[in-house]
Amino acid sequence: MSPGEDGKMRTPNVSIMYDTLAMCFNEAIEILGAGIKDAIYYHLARKHIQKLEIGAKFQEVENTLAFLFGQGAKSVMVLTLERLCEQYSLPLRLEYANSPTERLQQVKERILIDKLLPKHHRKRLDSDRYEDKLGNYAPWSD
């Protein structure tokens, strides 16, 4: 587990969300081709942004892509958000925010407050036991 922005350890839900966001960003830039993808990660590394820090430094990522691609950067960021919302079964609804970064903040709050898990993570969970959001197990799943 990597330390959070304030130096403390992240909770599992935050780590899962940031890992999922990094995965969605990777999927979004894969569409552009291997050369562009490598160039993006190169420029992010020059700004000291590692792959797993994309969620924590989303605004810096957006600024870096805007420097590289101009207005085309917004397409990559929106596609990243679209994939993230798809993973968490949430509506994208860009009209609720002024920028992709602002909408990401809203989505992150919803994910953490509702303790949502992404689709790719749910597939890996053991489905033998039923647990509700409060941590209680169903009596038939002992």
Protein backbone atom coordinates (compact mmCIF):
# COMPACT_ATOMS: atom_id res chain seq x y z
CA MET A 1 0.00 0.00 0.00
CA SER A 2 1.38 3.40 -0.87
CA PRO A 3 1.18 6.42 1.42
CA GLY A 4 -1.52 8.98 0.84
CA GLU A 5 -0.96 12.64 0.10
CA ASP A 6 -0.83 13.47 3.81
CA GLY A 7 1.78 10.79 4.54
CA LYS A 8 -0.68 8.36 6.18
CA MET A 9 -1.58 4.98 4.77
CA ARG A 10 -4.57 4.94 2.46
CA THR A 11 -7.68 2.96 3.25
CA PRO A 12 -8.32 -0.03 0.97
CA ASN A 13 -11.22 1.75 -0.79
CA VAL A 14 -9.04 4.74 -1.65
CA SER A 15 -6.24 2.50 -2.93
CA ILE A 16 -8.69 0.48 -5.03
CA MET A 17 -10.20 3.67 -6.44
CA TYR A 18 -6.80 5.14 -7.38
CA ASP A 19 -5.69 1.83 -8.90
CA THR A 20 -8.91 1.71 -10.91
CA LEU A 21 -8.44 5.31 -12.05
CA ALA A 22 -4.90 4.50 -13.21
CA MET A 23 -6.25 1.47 -15.09
CA CYS A 24 -8.97 3.60 -16.74
CA PHE A 25 -6.42 6.26 -17.74
CA ASN A 26 -4.21 3.57 -19.25
CA GLU A 27 -7.18 2.22 -21.24
CA ALA A 28 -8.02 5.73 -22.45
CA ILE A 29 -4.52 6.46 -23.76
CA GLU A 30 -4.08 2.98 -25.28
CA ILE A 31 -6.58 4.09 -27.91
CA LEU A 32 -4.04 6.67 -29.11
CA GLY A 33 -1.44 4.02 -29.88
CA ALA A 34 1.68 2.64 -28.23
CA GLY A 35 3.97 5.53 -29.24
CA ILE A 36 1.64 8.23 -27.90
CA LYS A 37 1.03 6.21 -24.73
CA ASP A 38 4.78 5.92 -24.12
CA ALA A 39 5.24 9.64 -24.78
CA ILE A 40 2.48 10.52 -22.30
CA TYR A 41 4.00 8.36 -19.57
CA TYR A 42 7.44 9.83 -20.36
CA HIS A 43 6.15 13.40 -19.91
CA LEU A 44 4.26 12.44 -16.75
CA ALA A 45 7.43 10.87 -15.33
CA ARG A 46 9.31 14.10 -16.08
CA LYS A 47 6.69 15.86 -13.92
CA HIS A 48 7.27 13.23 -11.20
CA ILE A 49 3.86 11.61 -11.70
CA GLN A 50 3.97 7.83 -11.55
CA LYS A 51 1.24 5.61 -13.03
CA LEU A 52 -0.38 4.88 -9.67
CA GLU A 53 -0.38 8.59 -8.72
CA ILE A 54 -2.65 9.61 -11.58
CA GLY A 55 -5.72 9.74 -9.34
CA ALA A 56 -4.02 11.79 -6.64
CA LYS A 57 -2.49 14.18 -9.20
CA PHE A 58 -5.34 14.27 -11.73
CA GLN A 59 -5.16 18.06 -12.16
CA GLU A 60 -1.43 17.90 -12.91
CA VAL A 61 -2.06 15.06 -15.38
CA GLU A 62 -4.76 17.16 -17.07
CA ASN A 63 -2.39 20.15 -17.26
CA THR A 64 0.42 18.01 -18.71
CA LEU A 65 -1.87 16.56 -21.36
CA ALA A 66 -3.20 20.04 -22.16
CA PHE A 67 0.39 21.17 -22.71
CA LEU A 68 0.98 18.21 -25.05
CA PHE A 69 -2.34 18.04 -26.92
CA GLY A 70 -4.16 21.31 -26.30
CA GLN A 71 -7.93 20.89 -26.24
CA GLY A 72 -7.54 17.25 -27.28
CA ALA A 73 -6.44 16.50 -23.73
CA LYS A 74 -10.00 16.98 -22.53
CA SER A 75 -11.08 14.01 -24.68
CA VAL A 76 -8.58 11.74 -22.91
CA MET A 77 -9.65 12.97 -19.47
CA VAL A 78 -13.35 12.59 -20.25
CA LEU A 79 -12.75 9.09 -21.61
CA THR A 80 -10.86 8.27 -18.39
CA LEU A 81 -13.81 9.51 -16.33
CA GLU A 82 -16.23 7.61 -18.54
CA ARG A 83 -14.33 4.37 -17.96
CA LEU A 84 -14.14 5.07 -14.21
CA CYS A 85 -17.88 5.71 -13.98
CA GLU A 86 -18.51 2.55 -15.98
CA GLN A 87 -16.39 0.54 -13.52
CA TYR A 88 -18.41 1.88 -10.59
CA SER A 89 -21.79 1.82 -12.40
CA LEU A 90 -22.20 5.58 -11.98
CA PRO A 91 -23.51 8.10 -14.51
CA LEU A 92 -20.87 10.35 -16.09
CA ARG A 93 -22.97 13.56 -16.05
CA LEU A 94 -20.33 16.11 -17.04
CA GLU A 95 -22.87 18.91 -16.81
CA TYR A 96 -22.51 18.83 -13.01
CA ALA A 97 -18.93 20.11 -13.15
CA ASN A 98 -16.84 22.76 -14.89
CA SER A 99 -13.87 20.49 -15.57
CA PRO A 100 -12.97 16.78 -15.62
CA THR A 101 -10.97 17.30 -12.40
CA GLU A 102 -13.98 18.79 -10.64
CA ARG A 103 -16.19 15.92 -11.82
CA LEU A 104 -13.58 13.40 -10.66
CA GLN A 105 -13.72 14.92 -7.19
CA GLN A 106 -17.51 14.48 -7.14
CA VAL A 107 -17.24 10.88 -8.35
CA LYS A 108 -14.50 10.11 -5.78
CA GLU A 109 -16.69 11.43 -2.97
CA ARG A 110 -19.60 9.27 -4.14
CA ILE A 111 -17.38 6.18 -4.39
CA LEU A 112 -15.93 6.64 -0.91
CA ILE A 113 -19.15 7.66 0.83
CA ASP A 114 -21.13 4.77 -0.67
CA LYS A 115 -18.17 2.34 -0.30
CA LEU A 116 -18.48 1.26 -3.93
CA LEU A 117 -16.23 -1.33 -5.54
CA PRO A 118 -15.31 -1.39 -9.24
CA LYS A 119 -16.53 -4.18 -11.50
CA HIS A 120 -13.05 -5.56 -12.10
CA HIS A 121 -12.49 -5.85 -8.34
CA ARG A 122 -15.88 -7.45 -7.61
CA LYS A 123 -15.04 -10.27 -9.99
CA ARG A 124 -12.04 -11.18 -7.84
CA LEU A 125 -13.89 -11.18 -4.53
CA ASP A 126 -14.91 -14.38 -2.86
CA SER A 127 -18.64 -14.68 -3.47
CA ASP A 128 -19.23 -17.41 -0.86
CA ARG A 129 -20.10 -14.89 1.84
CA TYR A 130 -22.57 -12.02 1.74
CA GLU A 131 -21.47 -8.88 3.57
CA ASP A 132 -23.44 -5.64 3.66
CA LYS A 133 -21.89 -2.15 3.72
CA LEU A 134 -21.77 -2.15 7.53
CA GLY A 135 -19.64 -5.29 7.65
CA ASN A 136 -22.40 -7.64 8.82
CA TYR A 137 -22.50 -11.11 7.32
CA ALA A 138 -25.73 -12.82 6.35
CA PRO A 139 -26.56 -15.82 8.59
CA TRP A 140 -26.65 -18.24 5.65
CA SER A 141 -23.07 -17.40 4.63
CA ASP A 142 -21.21 -18.71 7.70
